[in-house]
Amino acid sequence: MIDMPQVKSIRTMHREGHNITEIAEALKLSRPTVRKYLGMDDFSQPVPQEARRPSKLDPYKGTVMEWLEADRKVWRKQRHTAKRVFERLRDEAGYTGSYALVQRFVKECKESRDPTGFLDLVWEPGSVQADFGQADFHVYGVLSRMHYLVVAFPHSNTGFAQLFRGENAECVCEGLRSVFEYIGGVPSRAVFDNGAGVGKRVSNAVRLTELFSRFQAHYGFEATFCNPDAGHEKGNVENMVGALRRSLFVPVPDICDIGIYNRILLDECMDRSDAFHYRKGQSALSLFQEDLRALSPLPAKPFNCVRYQSCRTDKYGNVTVEGCHRYSTAGGLAGKAVTVAFGAEEVWIHDTTGRLVATHRRLYGHDPGESLDPGASLRLLVSRPGGWKNSSVRMSLPESLKGYIDSQGKEVVRECLSTLLEASSETDYATAVEAAWNVYQHTGRIRRPDVAVWAQRLWYGEEAGYSEMVDLEGYDRAFAGMGVNLG
């Protein structure tokens, strides 16, 4: 550190005609010091630099740099951390210094190789970023943690959300298709987070799922993916995920039908765009018009966001998919090959001819679950009515209907089951059961013609009911005497 008042005194005395010896004696300095300051021609302050002292890590720095350089050829999840570097230096090289020294040096090496800081990226109109967020919803009165896909337009800071129960390719494609159809066009480019939901990153390449590859080809947009641990590369959608959660999902929404809610959600997201852009000083809505003008037209046909898987049913006619989810098929398909079609919210099961045999609400999660339609075992139960007492059909019926059939003999039980089978084949199992229950409530019996008529009226939304109780036993006896079978 230069003593500037001292320098000033030296140079002042020198201008007054004093020689170096006189200046040194007067200021009690050495002559070399006086000579040095008189010879200096630049007293500008230099760039401050941290004083560096030798450390115990110095002899090992070359080794550490070799390890970190070798890490470039290794999967990122198996590279050296500062802690691992410290442990190896201690155990293999005899390092006796502190962990803090190693930690600081490793950080310096990584920052010099991969500079930190975020680029201020510019997004052209018509490009989007996509990512998932999570929020709680009351679904049919039950609090559930749900997933929502956000499709954000960074040029205008406009975003749209769609709600799902998972984060798979079916959900991504379904959500993107809904947004594309709502805005009336296809973005030129979509950016995703490491291929989550639509593919899997292997080293520096992303392997897309079959479904998403077809979806991308159908709509003709470019798909790119962020670098690992680089969410800032799609920072707009990262912020949009939180903004939509705070503005649209607080308080916790009540939902009965996800499909209907998603259609409402698109309108609510559009209403949010009537605000000024946080940096551009224009309304987001006017900027979004620029996004819309940059879109490509929709293809002539919408894409069917369904993934197919070939399976074989078990001895009960049920199929297990995704490791733990069990679905029923239809009578007569035990041990048979079937095709399972996975949508975002539903699962459809087809036989080998392509005929649809069962539809289920899709199960999610890692815990075992099952969606078993009792009606799937009706046909087998008609031929084996002895299994009635322990059947899933019996367990699914209203108590009054169950009690009535329990009180009957084997042949009447068979006839009741056959009546349900016939009505469900014309409508569905739930409608057939509702029709049988209503007929029983009004007549005290379950008759095939009454159930068939009631089921058809329920199925087509017509008013079903009896204006008064009608006793048809006289007609039954008369026709039976003539040899007419009314079954």
Protein backbone atom coordinates (compact mmCIF):
# COMPACT_ATOMS: atom_id res chain seq x y z
CA MET A 1 0.00 0.00 0.00
CA ILE A 2 1.47 3.38 -1.06
CA ASP A 3 1.51 6.12 1.55
CA MET A 4 0.22 8.92 -0.66
CA PRO A 5 0.89 11.81 1.82
CA GLN A 6 4.49 10.56 2.02
CA VAL A 7 4.77 10.43 -1.77
CA LYS A 8 3.41 13.97 -1.96
CA SER A 9 6.06 15.20 0.51
CA ILE A 10 8.88 13.48 -1.44
CA ARG A 11 7.84 14.98 -4.76
CA THR A 12 7.25 18.45 -3.23
CA MET A 13 10.76 18.58 -1.66
CA HIS A 14 12.26 17.36 -4.92
CA ARG A 15 10.59 20.20 -6.85
CA GLU A 16 11.97 22.65 -4.27
CA GLY A 17 15.52 21.55 -5.16
CA HIS A 18 16.36 19.05 -2.42
CA ASN A 19 18.44 16.03 -3.40
CA ILE A 20 17.63 12.41 -2.56
CA THR A 21 19.91 12.31 0.52
CA GLU A 22 18.32 15.44 1.97
CA ILE A 23 14.82 14.15 1.34
CA ALA A 24 15.66 10.77 2.92
CA GLU A 25 17.13 12.38 6.04
CA ALA A 26 14.27 14.86 6.41
CA LEU A 27 11.50 12.26 6.03
CA LYS A 28 13.43 9.43 7.77
CA LEU A 29 13.24 7.19 4.70
CA SER A 30 15.82 5.12 2.88
CA ARG A 31 17.30 6.55 -0.27
CA PRO A 32 16.04 3.60 -2.42
CA THR A 33 12.50 4.37 -1.25
CA VAL A 34 12.82 8.04 -2.17
CA ARG A 35 14.36 7.08 -5.51
CA LYS A 36 11.51 4.60 -6.22
CA TYR A 37 8.72 7.12 -5.63
CA LEU A 38 10.49 9.82 -7.63
CA GLY A 39 10.82 7.38 -10.53
CA MET A 40 7.13 6.32 -10.56
CA ASP A 41 5.16 7.83 -13.44
CA ASP A 42 1.71 6.27 -12.79
CA PHE A 43 -0.13 6.41 -9.50
CA SER A 44 -3.45 5.06 -10.88
CA GLN A 45 -5.06 2.51 -8.55
CA PRO A 46 -4.52 -1.05 -9.87
CA VAL A 47 -7.27 -3.66 -10.06
CA PRO A 48 -7.69 -5.05 -6.56
CA GLN A 49 -6.52 -8.67 -6.30
CA GLU A 50 -6.96 -11.08 -3.46
CA ALA A 51 -3.73 -11.91 -1.77
CA ARG A 52 -3.05 -15.60 -2.22
CA ARG A 53 -1.25 -17.72 0.30
CA PRO A 54 0.04 -21.23 -0.29
CA SER A 55 -2.39 -23.95 0.81
CA LYS A 56 -2.16 -27.65 1.60
CA LEU A 57 -4.19 -28.37 -1.52
CA ASP A 58 -1.65 -26.91 -3.97
CA PRO A 59 0.26 -30.18 -4.56
CA TYR A 60 -2.99 -32.01 -5.34
CA LYS A 61 -4.69 -29.52 -7.65
CA GLY A 62 -3.35 -31.18 -10.78
CA THR A 63 -4.83 -34.50 -9.70
CA VAL A 64 -8.21 -32.95 -8.95
CA MET A 65 -8.30 -31.27 -12.37
CA GLU A 66 -7.54 -34.62 -14.05
CA TRP A 67 -10.45 -36.28 -12.22
CA LEU A 68 -12.85 -33.51 -13.17
CA GLU A 69 -11.72 -33.56 -16.78
CA ALA A 70 -12.30 -37.34 -16.93
CA ASP A 71 -15.82 -36.71 -15.62
CA ARG A 72 -16.76 -35.18 -18.97
CA LYS A 73 -16.92 -38.70 -20.45
CA VAL A 74 -19.03 -40.09 -17.58
CA TRP A 75 -22.79 -39.99 -17.03
CA ARG A 76 -23.57 -36.81 -15.10
CA LYS A 77 -25.05 -38.73 -12.16
CA GLN A 78 -21.75 -40.57 -11.61
CA ARG A 79 -19.37 -37.63 -11.64
CA HIS A 80 -17.22 -36.44 -8.76
CA THR A 81 -18.77 -34.25 -6.13
CA ALA A 82 -16.57 -32.09 -3.92
CA LYS A 83 -17.12 -34.55 -1.08
CA ARG A 84 -16.02 -37.49 -3.21
CA VAL A 85 -12.92 -35.58 -4.37
CA PHE A 86 -12.04 -34.86 -0.74
CA GLU A 87 -12.49 -38.52 0.26
CA ARG A 88 -10.26 -39.75 -2.57
CA LEU A 89 -7.54 -37.20 -1.86
CA ARG A 90 -7.59 -38.16 1.81
CA ASP A 91 -7.66 -41.93 1.28
CA GLU A 92 -5.59 -42.30 -1.89
CA ALA A 93 -3.17 -39.36 -1.91
CA GLY A 94 -2.58 -38.57 1.76
CA TYR A 95 -4.18 -35.13 1.73
CA THR A 96 -4.42 -33.67 5.26
CA GLY A 97 -6.06 -30.34 4.52
CA SER A 98 -9.66 -29.30 5.12
CA TYR A 99 -12.76 -30.17 3.10
CA ALA A 100 -13.52 -26.46 2.64
CA LEU A 101 -10.36 -25.99 0.56
CA VAL A 102 -11.37 -28.85 -1.72
CA GLN A 103 -14.94 -27.63 -1.99
CA ARG A 104 -13.88 -24.12 -3.05
CA PHE A 105 -11.39 -25.42 -5.61
CA VAL A 106 -13.85 -27.88 -7.18
CA LYS A 107 -16.41 -25.08 -7.47
CA GLU A 108 -13.83 -22.80 -9.14
CA CYS A 109 -12.90 -25.54 -11.62
CA LYS A 110 -16.49 -26.28 -12.55
CA GLU A 111 -17.35 -22.59 -12.95
CA SER A 112 -14.33 -21.93 -15.15
CA ARG A 113 -15.26 -24.91 -17.33
CA ASP A 114 -19.04 -24.28 -17.35
CA PRO A 115 -19.64 -20.58 -16.68
CA THR A 116 -22.62 -19.75 -14.51
CA GLY A 117 -25.25 -17.14 -15.26
CA PHE A 118 -28.34 -17.13 -17.44
CA LEU A 119 -28.61 -15.99 -21.03
CA ASP A 120 -31.32 -13.45 -21.74
CA LEU A 121 -33.05 -15.50 -24.43
CA VAL A 122 -35.27 -14.00 -27.13
CA TRP A 123 -38.34 -15.98 -28.18
CA GLU A 124 -39.91 -15.53 -31.58
CA PRO A 125 -43.71 -15.35 -31.92
CA GLY A 126 -45.36 -18.73 -32.30
CA SER A 127 -42.95 -20.77 -30.16
CA VAL A 128 -44.02 -22.43 -26.89
CA GLN A 129 -42.58 -23.99 -23.75
CA ALA A 130 -44.28 -26.88 -21.97
CA ASP A 131 -43.95 -28.23 -18.44
CA PHE A 132 -45.99 -29.87 -15.68
CA GLY A 133 -46.98 -28.48 -12.29
CA GLN A 134 -48.88 -29.98 -9.37
CA ALA A 135 -51.77 -28.71 -7.28
CA ASP A 136 -54.52 -30.08 -5.03
CA PHE A 137 -58.12 -30.39 -6.20
CA HIS A 138 -61.33 -31.71 -4.70
CA VAL A 139 -62.35 -34.42 -7.19
CA TYR A 140 -65.81 -35.79 -6.38
CA GLY A 141 -65.27 -34.42 -2.87
CA VAL A 142 -61.93 -36.18 -2.35
CA LEU A 143 -58.75 -34.10 -1.99
CA SER A 144 -56.34 -35.29 -4.69
CA ARG A 145 -52.89 -34.14 -5.83
CA MET A 146 -53.24 -33.58 -9.60
CA HIS A 147 -50.88 -32.68 -12.45
CA TYR A 148 -51.45 -29.84 -14.90
CA LEU A 149 -49.66 -29.30 -18.20
CA VAL A 150 -48.80 -25.66 -18.92
CA VAL A 151 -48.21 -24.52 -22.50
CA ALA A 152 -46.65 -21.04 -22.40
CA PHE A 153 -45.98 -18.55 -25.20
CA PRO A 154 -42.88 -16.66 -23.97
CA HIS A 155 -43.16 -13.94 -26.64
CA SER A 156 -46.48 -12.72 -25.19
CA ASN A 157 -46.23 -14.27 -21.71
CA THR A 158 -49.54 -16.05 -22.32
CA GLY A 159 -50.12 -19.54 -20.97
CA PHE A 160 -52.72 -22.30 -21.00
CA ALA A 161 -53.20 -25.18 -18.56
CA GLN A 162 -54.83 -28.61 -18.80
CA LEU A 163 -55.46 -30.91 -15.84
CA PHE A 164 -54.47 -34.59 -15.72
CA ARG A 165 -53.88 -37.37 -13.21
CA GLY A 166 -50.44 -38.27 -14.62
CA GLU A 167 -47.45 -36.96 -16.58
CA ASN A 168 -47.13 -39.47 -19.42
CA ALA A 169 -47.01 -39.07 -23.20
CA GLU A 170 -50.76 -39.57 -23.46
CA CYS A 171 -51.37 -36.60 -21.14
CA VAL A 172 -48.83 -34.38 -22.94
CA CYS A 173 -50.30 -35.12 -26.37
CA GLU A 174 -53.89 -34.69 -25.13
CA GLY A 175 -53.01 -31.36 -23.49
CA LEU A 176 -51.13 -30.01 -26.51
CA ARG A 177 -53.92 -31.06 -28.87
CA SER A 178 -56.53 -29.28 -26.74
CA VAL A 179 -54.47 -26.07 -26.71
CA PHE A 180 -53.74 -26.27 -30.47
CA GLU A 181 -57.44 -26.69 -31.23
CA TYR A 182 -58.43 -23.92 -28.84
CA ILE A 183 -56.08 -21.33 -30.37
CA GLY A 184 -56.72 -22.58 -33.90
CA GLY A 185 -53.16 -23.37 -34.98
CA VAL A 186 -49.87 -25.16 -34.37
CA PRO A 187 -46.74 -23.50 -32.88
CA SER A 188 -43.55 -23.66 -34.90
CA ARG A 189 -41.49 -24.95 -31.97
CA ALA A 190 -42.07 -26.50 -28.57
CA VAL A 191 -39.47 -26.75 -25.80
CA PHE A 192 -39.70 -29.50 -23.18
CA ASP A 193 -37.85 -30.30 -19.97
CA ASN A 194 -35.43 -33.17 -20.69
CA GLY A 195 -38.05 -35.06 -22.65
CA ALA A 196 -40.16 -35.71 -19.53
CA GLY A 197 -43.42 -37.38 -20.48
CA VAL A 198 -42.60 -37.57 -24.18
CA GLY A 199 -39.24 -39.32 -24.21
CA LYS A 200 -36.12 -40.31 -22.34
CA ARG A 201 -32.75 -38.59 -22.41
CA VAL A 202 -29.86 -40.98 -23.00
CA SER A 203 -26.50 -39.18 -22.83
CA ASN A 204 -26.89 -36.21 -25.21
CA ALA A 205 -29.75 -37.68 -27.24
CA VAL A 206 -33.50 -37.81 -26.52
CA ARG A 207 -35.41 -40.92 -27.52
CA LEU A 208 -39.01 -39.94 -28.14
CA THR A 209 -41.91 -42.22 -27.32
CA GLU A 210 -43.72 -43.77 -30.28
CA LEU A 211 -46.89 -41.84 -29.45
CA PHE A 212 -45.19 -38.43 -29.27
CA SER A 213 -43.18 -39.10 -32.45
CA ARG A 214 -46.43 -39.70 -34.30
CA PHE A 215 -48.03 -36.65 -32.66
CA GLN A 216 -45.13 -34.42 -33.71
CA ALA A 217 -45.23 -35.73 -37.28
CA HIS A 218 -49.01 -35.23 -37.41
CA TYR A 219 -48.87 -31.56 -36.38
CA GLY A 220 -45.49 -30.75 -37.94
CA PHE A 221 -43.79 -28.72 -35.20
CA GLU A 222 -40.17 -28.77 -34.04
CA ALA A 223 -39.52 -30.28 -30.59
CA THR A 224 -36.40 -29.40 -28.59
CA PHE A 225 -35.32 -30.26 -25.07
CA CYS A 226 -33.50 -28.41 -22.30
CA ASN A 227 -30.09 -29.44 -21.10
CA PRO A 228 -30.00 -31.46 -17.86
CA ASP A 229 -30.61 -29.30 -14.77
CA ALA A 230 -31.21 -26.27 -16.96
CA GLY A 231 -34.78 -25.23 -16.22
CA HIS A 232 -33.80 -21.59 -16.84
CA GLU A 233 -33.71 -22.41 -20.55
CA LYS A 234 -37.51 -22.42 -20.37
CA GLY A 235 -37.92 -19.94 -17.56
CA ASN A 236 -41.17 -18.50 -18.91
CA VAL A 237 -43.14 -21.70 -18.42
CA GLU A 238 -41.43 -22.29 -15.06
CA ASN A 239 -42.84 -18.96 -13.87
CA MET A 240 -46.18 -19.59 -15.59
CA VAL A 241 -46.65 -22.86 -13.70
CA GLY A 242 -46.57 -20.98 -10.40
CA ALA A 243 -48.57 -18.00 -11.65
CA LEU A 244 -51.45 -20.15 -12.91
CA ARG A 245 -51.50 -22.16 -9.69
CA ARG A 246 -51.78 -19.01 -7.58
CA SER A 247 -54.41 -17.31 -9.74
CA LEU A 248 -56.59 -20.23 -10.89
CA PHE A 249 -56.21 -22.96 -8.26
CA VAL A 250 -56.61 -20.89 -5.08
CA PRO A 251 -58.84 -21.71 -3.28
CA VAL A 252 -58.74 -25.44 -4.03
CA PRO A 253 -61.18 -26.05 -6.93
CA ASP A 254 -64.04 -28.57 -6.80
CA ILE A 255 -64.17 -30.85 -9.85
CA CYS A 256 -66.64 -33.49 -10.98
CA ASP A 257 -65.67 -33.94 -14.64
CA ILE A 258 -62.04 -33.33 -15.69
CA GLY A 259 -62.97 -32.97 -19.37
CA ILE A 260 -65.52 -30.23 -18.69
CA TYR A 261 -63.16 -28.50 -16.25
CA ASN A 262 -60.36 -28.46 -18.84
CA ARG A 263 -62.58 -26.72 -21.38
CA ILE A 264 -63.48 -24.07 -18.78
CA LEU A 265 -59.81 -23.78 -17.82
CA LEU A 266 -58.79 -22.74 -21.33
CA ASP A 267 -61.22 -19.81 -21.20
CA GLU A 268 -59.98 -18.79 -17.75
CA CYS A 269 -56.38 -18.83 -18.99
CA MET A 270 -57.33 -16.68 -21.97
CA ASP A 271 -59.01 -14.16 -19.65
CA ARG A 272 -55.69 -13.77 -17.76
CA SER A 273 -53.93 -12.54 -20.90
CA ASP A 274 -55.68 -9.16 -20.68
CA ALA A 275 -52.73 -7.61 -18.83
CA PHE A 276 -49.53 -5.76 -19.68
CA HIS A 277 -46.38 -7.70 -20.47
CA TYR A 278 -43.99 -7.48 -17.54
CA ARG A 279 -41.13 -6.11 -19.71
CA LYS A 280 -42.42 -5.01 -23.10
CA GLY A 281 -44.94 -2.37 -22.03
CA GLN A 282 -47.65 -3.80 -24.28
CA SER A 283 -50.71 -5.83 -23.44
CA ALA A 284 -50.14 -9.57 -23.47
CA LEU A 285 -53.27 -9.91 -25.60
CA SER A 286 -51.87 -7.75 -28.40
CA LEU A 287 -48.56 -9.66 -28.29
CA PHE A 288 -50.50 -12.91 -28.35
CA GLN A 289 -52.04 -11.83 -31.65
CA GLU A 290 -48.50 -11.89 -33.04
CA ASP A 291 -48.16 -15.43 -31.70
CA LEU A 292 -51.38 -16.43 -33.42
CA ARG A 293 -50.28 -14.98 -36.77
CA ALA A 294 -47.12 -17.10 -36.60
CA LEU A 295 -49.01 -20.38 -36.13
CA SER A 296 -49.30 -23.07 -38.79
CA PRO A 297 -52.81 -24.26 -39.70
CA LEU A 298 -54.30 -27.30 -37.98
CA PRO A 299 -54.21 -30.58 -39.92
CA ALA A 300 -57.43 -31.80 -41.51
CA LYS A 301 -57.93 -34.52 -38.88
CA PRO A 302 -57.25 -34.36 -35.13
CA PHE A 303 -54.69 -36.80 -33.73
CA ASN A 304 -55.93 -39.74 -31.67
CA CYS A 305 -53.83 -39.49 -28.48
CA VAL A 306 -53.89 -43.21 -27.68
CA ARG A 307 -51.12 -45.74 -27.02
CA TYR A 308 -51.71 -49.43 -27.75
CA GLN A 309 -50.38 -52.51 -25.97
CA SER A 310 -51.02 -56.19 -26.69
CA CYS A 311 -51.77 -58.31 -23.62
CA ARG A 312 -53.27 -61.63 -22.59
CA THR A 313 -56.03 -61.95 -20.00
CA ASP A 314 -55.83 -64.19 -16.94
CA LYS A 315 -58.16 -67.10 -16.17
CA TYR A 316 -60.77 -64.64 -14.88
CA GLY A 317 -60.78 -62.61 -18.10
CA ASN A 318 -58.91 -59.68 -16.50
CA VAL A 319 -55.77 -58.00 -17.84
CA THR A 320 -52.94 -56.50 -15.77
CA VAL A 321 -50.96 -53.61 -17.30
CA GLU A 322 -48.27 -51.17 -16.13
CA GLY A 323 -47.24 -53.73 -13.54
CA CYS A 324 -50.05 -53.27 -11.04
CA HIS A 325 -53.29 -52.07 -12.68
CA ARG A 326 -55.96 -54.69 -13.33
CA TYR A 327 -58.93 -54.24 -15.66
CA SER A 328 -61.82 -56.54 -16.54
CA THR A 329 -62.64 -57.39 -20.15
CA ALA A 330 -65.76 -59.33 -21.17
CA GLY A 331 -67.23 -62.76 -20.73
CA GLY A 332 -65.55 -65.48 -22.79
CA LEU A 333 -62.17 -63.72 -23.04
CA ALA A 334 -60.37 -65.61 -20.26
CA GLY A 335 -56.87 -66.51 -21.41
CA LYS A 336 -57.32 -64.63 -24.69
CA ALA A 337 -55.20 -62.02 -26.45
CA VAL A 338 -56.53 -58.46 -26.27
CA THR A 339 -55.36 -54.97 -27.20
CA VAL A 340 -55.36 -52.29 -24.51
CA ALA A 341 -55.65 -48.67 -25.68
CA PHE A 342 -54.36 -46.09 -23.18
CA GLY A 343 -55.73 -42.56 -23.22
CA ALA A 344 -55.02 -39.80 -20.72
CA GLU A 345 -58.19 -40.53 -18.72
CA GLU A 346 -59.62 -43.78 -20.08
CA VAL A 347 -58.55 -47.29 -21.05
CA TRP A 348 -60.29 -49.16 -23.87
CA ILE A 349 -59.95 -52.92 -24.37
CA HIS A 350 -60.45 -54.53 -27.79
CA ASP A 351 -60.54 -58.17 -28.82
CA THR A 352 -58.44 -59.54 -31.70
CA THR A 353 -61.05 -58.42 -34.26
CA GLY A 354 -60.83 -54.81 -33.04
CA ARG A 355 -64.23 -54.94 -31.33
CA LEU A 356 -64.47 -52.75 -28.22
CA VAL A 357 -65.26 -55.03 -25.27
CA ALA A 358 -64.64 -52.81 -22.21
CA THR A 359 -64.04 -49.20 -21.19
CA HIS A 360 -62.50 -48.14 -17.87
CA ARG A 361 -61.37 -45.00 -16.12
CA ARG A 362 -57.57 -45.16 -16.24
CA LEU A 363 -55.75 -46.04 -13.04
CA TYR A 364 -52.63 -44.11 -12.00
CA GLY A 365 -49.94 -44.50 -9.35
CA HIS A 366 -47.51 -47.19 -8.25
CA ASP A 367 -49.89 -48.93 -5.86
CA PRO A 368 -51.92 -51.92 -7.07
CA GLY A 369 -55.41 -51.01 -8.25
CA GLU A 370 -58.24 -52.57 -10.20
CA SER A 371 -61.21 -51.50 -12.26
CA LEU A 372 -63.43 -54.54 -12.58
CA ASP A 373 -66.82 -54.32 -14.28
CA PRO A 374 -69.11 -56.86 -12.59
CA GLY A 375 -71.05 -57.10 -15.84
CA ALA A 376 -68.01 -58.71 -17.47
CA SER A 377 -68.72 -61.95 -15.55
CA LEU A 378 -72.49 -61.98 -16.22
CA ARG A 379 -72.38 -64.36 -19.20
CA LEU A 380 -70.32 -66.91 -17.29
CA LEU A 381 -72.52 -66.50 -14.20
CA VAL A 382 -75.69 -67.23 -16.22
CA SER A 383 -74.26 -70.61 -17.16
CA ARG A 384 -73.01 -71.19 -13.61
CA PRO A 385 -75.62 -69.63 -11.28
CA GLY A 386 -74.26 -71.65 -8.37
CA GLY A 387 -71.53 -69.01 -8.04
CA TRP A 388 -74.09 -66.25 -7.39
CA LYS A 389 -73.52 -66.00 -3.63
CA ASN A 390 -69.82 -65.10 -3.97
CA SER A 391 -69.94 -63.19 -7.24
CA SER A 392 -68.90 -59.59 -7.90
CA VAL A 393 -72.30 -59.09 -9.57
CA ARG A 394 -74.08 -59.80 -6.30
CA MET A 395 -71.80 -57.44 -4.38
CA SER A 396 -72.52 -54.63 -6.86
CA LEU A 397 -76.31 -54.72 -6.61
CA PRO A 398 -78.52 -52.56 -4.35
CA GLU A 399 -79.46 -54.36 -1.11
CA SER A 400 -83.14 -54.73 -1.99
CA LEU A 401 -82.38 -56.25 -5.39
CA LYS A 402 -79.72 -58.49 -3.89
CA GLY A 403 -82.15 -59.70 -1.21
CA TYR A 404 -84.84 -60.51 -3.78
CA ILE A 405 -82.52 -62.65 -5.91
CA ASP A 406 -81.07 -64.34 -2.79
CA SER A 407 -84.57 -65.52 -1.87
CA GLN A 408 -85.17 -67.23 -5.23
CA GLY A 409 -84.38 -70.69 -6.47
CA LYS A 410 -81.59 -71.53 -8.89
CA GLU A 411 -83.71 -71.19 -12.05
CA VAL A 412 -85.13 -67.80 -11.06
CA VAL A 413 -81.61 -66.63 -10.19
CA ARG A 414 -80.51 -67.72 -13.66
CA GLU A 415 -83.46 -65.89 -15.23
CA CYS A 416 -82.68 -62.66 -13.29
CA LEU A 417 -79.04 -62.81 -14.36
CA SER A 418 -80.02 -63.50 -17.96
CA THR A 419 -82.33 -60.46 -17.80
CA LEU A 420 -79.47 -58.26 -16.59
CA LEU A 421 -77.18 -59.67 -19.29
CA GLU A 422 -79.62 -58.95 -22.06
CA ALA A 423 -80.32 -55.39 -20.85
CA SER A 424 -76.62 -54.60 -20.34
CA SER A 425 -75.75 -55.85 -23.85
CA GLU A 426 -78.21 -53.29 -25.24
CA THR A 427 -77.10 -50.46 -22.94
CA ASP A 428 -74.46 -51.00 -20.23
CA TYR A 429 -74.22 -52.78 -16.90
CA ALA A 430 -74.95 -49.74 -14.70
CA THR A 431 -78.06 -48.87 -16.73
CA ALA A 432 -79.29 -52.48 -16.61
CA VAL A 433 -78.93 -52.58 -12.83
CA GLU A 434 -80.73 -49.25 -12.41
CA ALA A 435 -83.55 -50.47 -14.64
CA ALA A 436 -83.89 -53.78 -12.74
CA TRP A 437 -83.95 -51.94 -9.41
CA ASN A 438 -86.69 -49.56 -10.59
CA VAL A 439 -88.78 -52.41 -11.97
CA TYR A 440 -88.42 -54.31 -8.71
CA GLN A 441 -89.37 -51.23 -6.66
CA HIS A 442 -92.60 -50.86 -8.65
CA THR A 443 -93.63 -54.49 -9.21
CA GLY A 444 -91.81 -56.55 -6.60
CA ARG A 445 -90.38 -58.74 -9.34
CA ILE A 446 -87.75 -58.68 -12.09
CA ARG A 447 -89.34 -59.39 -15.46
CA ARG A 448 -87.33 -59.38 -18.70
CA PRO A 449 -89.70 -57.19 -20.82
CA ASP A 450 -90.07 -54.55 -18.10
CA VAL A 451 -86.32 -54.33 -17.48
CA ALA A 452 -85.59 -54.13 -21.22
CA VAL A 453 -88.03 -51.25 -21.74
CA TRP A 454 -86.88 -49.35 -18.65
CA ALA A 455 -83.21 -49.75 -19.60
CA GLN A 456 -83.84 -48.41 -23.12
CA ARG A 457 -85.65 -45.39 -21.74
CA LEU A 458 -82.87 -44.66 -19.27
CA TRP A 459 -80.25 -45.13 -21.98
CA TYR A 460 -81.90 -42.69 -24.39
CA GLY A 461 -82.91 -40.18 -21.72
CA GLU A 462 -86.65 -40.79 -21.92
CA GLU A 463 -88.91 -40.62 -18.91
CA ALA A 464 -89.22 -44.06 -17.37
CA GLY A 465 -91.77 -45.11 -14.78
CA TYR A 466 -95.14 -46.63 -13.95
CA SER A 467 -98.17 -44.39 -13.43
CA GLU A 468 -99.73 -47.10 -11.30
CA MET A 469 -99.10 -50.65 -10.24
CA VAL A 470 -100.25 -53.15 -12.91
CA ASP A 471 -100.85 -56.83 -12.18
CA LEU A 472 -100.09 -58.87 -15.29
CA GLU A 473 -100.31 -62.31 -13.68
CA GLY A 474 -103.69 -63.01 -15.29
CA TYR A 475 -102.18 -62.47 -18.73
CA ASP A 476 -99.25 -64.67 -17.80
CA ARG A 477 -101.53 -67.55 -16.79
CA ALA A 478 -103.65 -67.16 -19.92
CA PHE A 479 -100.76 -67.16 -22.32
CA ALA A 480 -99.07 -69.97 -20.44
CA GLY A 481 -102.21 -72.07 -20.88
CA MET A 482 -101.93 -71.51 -24.63
CA GLY A 483 -98.35 -72.74 -24.58
CA VAL A 484 -96.82 -69.30 -25.14
CA ASN A 485 -93.44 -68.67 -23.53
CA LEU A 486 -93.22 -65.10 -22.22
CA GLY A 487 -89.61 -65.36 -20.99
